[in-house]
Amino acid sequence: MLVRRQVIAANANEKDRPKPRKSVGFPEKAVCCPTPSAGSTMPSLFRLLFIVGVIAGFVYVAMWCLVIFVEPKQRDITVKIPASRIEAKPVEASKP
């Protein structure tokens, strides 16, 4: 456990001295990973589903805004069709 030391002037009053910091709710030894028994950590699967849900919500709202606020422009469209697709093919008469 590291202790921070501060130099205090010899003539400083008691009220001018900084009070030592207390660690509240933390263990004495540092823990590299949170444990499931900590209670305050969010499970990673729930966190992932929450983030995906928030992103899906933003996408849904963006699409809804496009539908409501953007009016498409109507215009005429000209499509050229090749003559080979228009020409009628001769049909042979069937014999009874």
N, C-alpha and C. Protein backbone atom coordinates (compact mmCIF):
# COMPACT_ATOMS: atom_id res chain seq x y z
N MET A 1 0.85 -1.17 0.00
CA MET A 1 0.00 0.00 0.00
C MET A 1 0.89 1.23 0.00
N LEU A 2 0.66 2.08 -0.97
CA LEU A 2 1.46 3.29 -1.08
C LEU A 2 0.88 4.38 -0.21
N VAL A 3 1.76 5.10 0.47
CA VAL A 3 1.32 6.20 1.31
C VAL A 3 1.90 7.47 0.75
N ARG A 4 1.06 8.48 0.59
CA ARG A 4 1.51 9.75 0.07
C ARG A 4 1.95 10.62 1.24
N ARG A 5 3.15 11.11 1.17
CA ARG A 5 3.67 11.96 2.24
C ARG A 5 3.74 13.39 1.76
N GLN A 6 3.37 14.28 2.61
CA GLN A 6 3.42 15.69 2.28
C GLN A 6 4.26 16.41 3.33
N VAL A 7 5.02 17.38 2.86
CA VAL A 7 5.85 18.16 3.77
C VAL A 7 5.01 19.29 4.33
N ILE A 8 4.97 19.39 5.63
CA ILE A 8 4.18 20.41 6.29
C ILE A 8 5.14 21.33 7.04
N ALA A 9 4.88 22.60 6.93
CA ALA A 9 5.74 23.57 7.62
C ALA A 9 5.63 23.36 9.13
N ALA A 10 6.70 23.63 9.83
CA ALA A 10 6.74 23.40 11.26
C ALA A 10 5.79 24.31 12.02
N ASN A 11 5.51 25.47 11.49
CA ASN A 11 4.65 26.40 12.20
C ASN A 11 3.19 26.35 11.75
N ALA A 12 2.80 25.33 11.00
CA ALA A 12 1.43 25.23 10.53
C ALA A 12 0.52 24.81 11.68
N ASN A 13 -0.67 25.33 11.67
CA ASN A 13 -1.65 24.96 12.68
C ASN A 13 -2.22 23.58 12.39
N GLU A 14 -2.91 23.04 13.33
CA GLU A 14 -3.50 21.71 13.18
C GLU A 14 -4.58 21.71 12.09
N LYS A 15 -5.35 22.80 11.99
CA LYS A 15 -6.42 22.85 11.00
C LYS A 15 -5.89 23.02 9.57
N ASP A 16 -4.65 23.50 9.41
CA ASP A 16 -4.07 23.67 8.08
C ASP A 16 -3.49 22.37 7.52
N ARG A 17 -3.29 21.40 8.37
CA ARG A 17 -2.70 20.13 7.92
C ARG A 17 -3.74 19.32 7.14
N PRO A 18 -3.32 18.72 6.06
CA PRO A 18 -4.26 17.88 5.31
C PRO A 18 -4.59 16.61 6.10
N LYS A 19 -5.83 16.20 6.00
CA LYS A 19 -6.26 14.99 6.70
C LYS A 19 -5.96 13.79 5.82
N PRO A 20 -5.60 12.66 6.43
CA PRO A 20 -5.32 11.48 5.62
C PRO A 20 -6.58 10.98 4.93
N ARG A 21 -6.40 10.46 3.74
CA ARG A 21 -7.52 9.96 2.96
C ARG A 21 -7.85 8.55 3.41
N LYS A 22 -9.12 8.26 3.49
CA LYS A 22 -9.56 6.93 3.85
C LYS A 22 -10.12 6.27 2.61
N SER A 23 -9.79 5.00 2.45
CA SER A 23 -10.35 4.26 1.33
C SER A 23 -11.66 3.64 1.79
N VAL A 24 -12.73 4.00 1.11
CA VAL A 24 -14.05 3.53 1.50
C VAL A 24 -14.48 2.45 0.53
N GLY A 25 -14.75 1.28 1.05
CA GLY A 25 -15.27 0.20 0.23
C GLY A 25 -14.27 -0.50 -0.64
N PHE A 26 -12.99 -0.20 -0.52
CA PHE A 26 -11.98 -0.85 -1.33
C PHE A 26 -11.16 -1.79 -0.46
N PRO A 27 -10.77 -2.93 -0.99
CA PRO A 27 -9.95 -3.84 -0.21
C PRO A 27 -8.53 -3.30 -0.07
N GLU A 28 -7.81 -3.86 0.85
CA GLU A 28 -6.44 -3.41 1.08
C GLU A 28 -5.56 -3.69 -0.13
N LYS A 29 -5.70 -4.86 -0.72
CA LYS A 29 -4.89 -5.22 -1.88
C LYS A 29 -5.64 -4.84 -3.16
N ALA A 30 -4.89 -4.46 -4.15
CA ALA A 30 -5.51 -4.09 -5.42
C ALA A 30 -5.98 -5.35 -6.14
N VAL A 31 -7.15 -5.26 -6.73
CA VAL A 31 -7.71 -6.38 -7.47
C VAL A 31 -7.67 -6.02 -8.94
N CYS A 32 -7.12 -6.92 -9.76
CA CYS A 32 -6.97 -6.60 -11.18
C CYS A 32 -8.29 -6.70 -11.92
N CYS A 33 -9.15 -7.61 -11.54
CA CYS A 33 -10.41 -7.80 -12.24
C CYS A 33 -11.55 -7.78 -11.24
N PRO A 34 -12.69 -7.20 -11.59
CA PRO A 34 -13.81 -7.20 -10.66
C PRO A 34 -14.36 -8.61 -10.50
N THR A 35 -14.79 -8.92 -9.33
CA THR A 35 -15.35 -10.23 -9.06
C THR A 35 -16.87 -10.16 -9.18
N PRO A 36 -17.50 -11.29 -9.51
CA PRO A 36 -18.96 -11.27 -9.61
C PRO A 36 -19.65 -10.93 -8.29
N SER A 37 -18.96 -11.15 -7.18
CA SER A 37 -19.58 -10.88 -5.89
C SER A 37 -19.55 -9.39 -5.54
N ALA A 38 -18.92 -8.58 -6.39
CA ALA A 38 -18.83 -7.15 -6.10
C ALA A 38 -20.21 -6.51 -6.10
N GLY A 39 -21.12 -6.98 -6.96
CA GLY A 39 -22.49 -6.47 -6.95
C GLY A 39 -22.68 -5.19 -7.74
N SER A 40 -21.67 -4.38 -7.89
CA SER A 40 -21.83 -3.11 -8.59
C SER A 40 -21.40 -3.20 -10.04
N THR A 41 -20.86 -4.33 -10.46
CA THR A 41 -20.42 -4.45 -11.85
C THR A 41 -21.58 -4.97 -12.70
N MET A 42 -21.63 -4.50 -13.95
CA MET A 42 -22.66 -4.92 -14.87
C MET A 42 -22.12 -6.11 -15.66
N PRO A 43 -22.89 -7.17 -15.82
CA PRO A 43 -22.43 -8.32 -16.60
C PRO A 43 -22.15 -7.91 -18.04
N SER A 44 -21.15 -8.54 -18.62
CA SER A 44 -20.72 -8.13 -19.96
C SER A 44 -21.79 -8.43 -21.02
N LEU A 45 -22.54 -9.53 -20.89
CA LEU A 45 -23.57 -9.84 -21.87
C LEU A 45 -24.69 -8.80 -21.82
N PHE A 46 -25.10 -8.44 -20.63
CA PHE A 46 -26.14 -7.41 -20.49
C PHE A 46 -25.65 -6.08 -21.03
N ARG A 47 -24.40 -5.75 -20.78
CA ARG A 47 -23.82 -4.50 -21.29
C ARG A 47 -23.82 -4.51 -22.82
N LEU A 48 -23.43 -5.65 -23.42
CA LEU A 48 -23.41 -5.76 -24.88
C LEU A 48 -24.82 -5.60 -25.45
N LEU A 49 -25.78 -6.30 -24.87
CA LEU A 49 -27.15 -6.20 -25.37
C LEU A 49 -27.71 -4.79 -25.19
N PHE A 50 -27.36 -4.14 -24.11
CA PHE A 50 -27.82 -2.77 -23.88
C PHE A 50 -27.25 -1.84 -24.94
N ILE A 51 -25.96 -1.95 -25.24
CA ILE A 51 -25.33 -1.08 -26.24
C ILE A 51 -25.90 -1.35 -27.62
N VAL A 52 -26.10 -2.62 -27.96
CA VAL A 52 -26.69 -2.95 -29.26
C VAL A 52 -28.11 -2.40 -29.35
N GLY A 53 -28.87 -2.48 -28.26
CA GLY A 53 -30.22 -1.94 -28.24
C GLY A 53 -30.25 -0.43 -28.41
N VAL A 54 -29.31 0.25 -27.77
CA VAL A 54 -29.24 1.71 -27.90
C VAL A 54 -28.89 2.11 -29.33
N ILE A 55 -27.94 1.41 -29.93
CA ILE A 55 -27.56 1.70 -31.32
C ILE A 55 -28.75 1.42 -32.26
N ALA A 56 -29.46 0.30 -32.03
CA ALA A 56 -30.63 -0.01 -32.86
C ALA A 56 -31.71 1.06 -32.68
N GLY A 57 -31.85 1.57 -31.47
CA GLY A 57 -32.81 2.65 -31.23
C GLY A 57 -32.46 3.91 -31.99
N PHE A 58 -31.18 4.26 -32.02
CA PHE A 58 -30.75 5.44 -32.78
C PHE A 58 -31.01 5.25 -34.27
N VAL A 59 -30.75 4.07 -34.78
CA VAL A 59 -30.99 3.80 -36.21
C VAL A 59 -32.49 3.91 -36.50
N TYR A 60 -33.32 3.35 -35.62
CA TYR A 60 -34.77 3.42 -35.82
C TYR A 60 -35.26 4.86 -35.82
N VAL A 61 -34.77 5.66 -34.89
CA VAL A 61 -35.18 7.07 -34.82
C VAL A 61 -34.71 7.83 -36.05
N ALA A 62 -33.51 7.54 -36.53
CA ALA A 62 -33.00 8.20 -37.74
C ALA A 62 -33.86 7.85 -38.95
N MET A 63 -34.24 6.58 -39.08
CA MET A 63 -35.11 6.19 -40.19
C MET A 63 -36.49 6.83 -40.08
N TRP A 64 -37.03 6.90 -38.87
CA TRP A 64 -38.32 7.52 -38.66
C TRP A 64 -38.27 9.00 -39.05
N CYS A 65 -37.18 9.69 -38.68
CA CYS A 65 -37.02 11.10 -39.03
C CYS A 65 -36.95 11.28 -40.54
N LEU A 66 -36.27 10.37 -41.23
CA LEU A 66 -36.22 10.45 -42.69
C LEU A 66 -37.62 10.30 -43.30
N VAL A 67 -38.40 9.39 -42.77
CA VAL A 67 -39.75 9.17 -43.30
C VAL A 67 -40.63 10.38 -43.06
N ILE A 68 -40.55 10.96 -41.90
CA ILE A 68 -41.45 12.06 -41.54
C ILE A 68 -41.02 13.39 -42.17
N PHE A 69 -39.75 13.71 -42.14
CA PHE A 69 -39.30 15.06 -42.50
C PHE A 69 -38.77 15.21 -43.92
N VAL A 70 -38.48 14.14 -44.64
CA VAL A 70 -37.93 14.26 -45.99
C VAL A 70 -39.01 13.88 -46.99
N GLU A 71 -39.31 14.79 -47.88
CA GLU A 71 -40.30 14.56 -48.93
C GLU A 71 -39.56 14.29 -50.24
N PRO A 72 -39.78 13.12 -50.86
CA PRO A 72 -39.06 12.82 -52.10
C PRO A 72 -39.55 13.69 -53.26
N LYS A 73 -38.66 14.02 -54.17
CA LYS A 73 -39.01 14.81 -55.35
C LYS A 73 -39.54 13.88 -56.43
N GLN A 74 -40.68 14.24 -57.02
CA GLN A 74 -41.23 13.44 -58.10
C GLN A 74 -40.73 13.99 -59.42
N ARG A 75 -40.27 13.11 -60.28
CA ARG A 75 -39.77 13.52 -61.59
C ARG A 75 -39.99 12.40 -62.59
N ASP A 76 -40.00 12.77 -63.87
CA ASP A 76 -40.19 11.80 -64.94
C ASP A 76 -38.89 11.07 -65.20
N ILE A 77 -39.04 9.79 -65.52
CA ILE A 77 -37.87 8.96 -65.81
C ILE A 77 -38.02 8.41 -67.22
N THR A 78 -36.96 8.51 -68.00
CA THR A 78 -36.94 7.98 -69.37
C THR A 78 -35.95 6.83 -69.41
N VAL A 79 -36.44 5.66 -69.86
CA VAL A 79 -35.60 4.48 -69.96
C VAL A 79 -35.60 4.03 -71.42
N LYS A 80 -34.42 3.89 -71.98
CA LYS A 80 -34.31 3.46 -73.37
C LYS A 80 -34.30 1.93 -73.40
N ILE A 81 -35.18 1.38 -74.25
CA ILE A 81 -35.27 -0.07 -74.40
C ILE A 81 -34.72 -0.43 -75.77
N PRO A 82 -33.84 -1.39 -75.83
CA PRO A 82 -33.28 -1.76 -77.15
C PRO A 82 -34.37 -2.31 -78.09
N ALA A 83 -34.18 -2.05 -79.36
CA ALA A 83 -35.17 -2.45 -80.36
C ALA A 83 -35.33 -3.96 -80.42
N SER A 84 -34.31 -4.70 -80.10
CA SER A 84 -34.39 -6.16 -80.16
C SER A 84 -35.39 -6.70 -79.14
N ARG A 85 -35.64 -5.98 -78.10
CA ARG A 85 -36.61 -6.43 -77.10
C ARG A 85 -38.03 -6.05 -77.48
N ILE A 86 -38.19 -5.09 -78.40
CA ILE A 86 -39.52 -4.62 -78.77
C ILE A 86 -40.07 -5.38 -79.98
N GLU A 87 -39.22 -5.75 -80.93
CA GLU A 87 -39.67 -6.39 -82.15
C GLU A 87 -40.42 -7.67 -81.85
N ALA A 88 -41.55 -7.82 -82.55
CA ALA A 88 -42.35 -9.02 -82.38
C ALA A 88 -41.73 -10.15 -83.18
N LYS A 89 -41.70 -11.27 -82.58
CA LYS A 89 -41.16 -12.46 -83.27
C LYS A 89 -42.32 -13.14 -84.00
N PRO A 90 -42.07 -13.58 -85.23
CA PRO A 90 -43.16 -14.25 -85.99
C PRO A 90 -43.54 -15.56 -85.31
N VAL A 91 -44.84 -15.78 -85.26
CA VAL A 91 -45.35 -17.00 -84.66
C VAL A 91 -45.87 -17.87 -85.79
N GLU A 92 -45.43 -19.10 -85.82
CA GLU A 92 -45.89 -20.02 -86.85
C GLU A 92 -47.30 -20.50 -86.51
N ALA A 93 -48.08 -20.55 -87.55
CA ALA A 93 -49.47 -21.00 -87.36
C ALA A 93 -49.45 -22.52 -87.14
N SER A 94 -50.21 -22.94 -86.20
CA SER A 94 -50.26 -24.37 -85.94
C SER A 94 -51.30 -25.02 -86.87
N LYS A 95 -51.00 -26.18 -87.36
CA LYS A 95 -51.89 -26.89 -88.27
C LYS A 95 -52.82 -27.78 -87.45
N PRO A 96 -54.13 -27.72 -87.81
CA PRO A 96 -55.06 -28.58 -87.05
C PRO A 96 -55.05 -30.02 -87.45
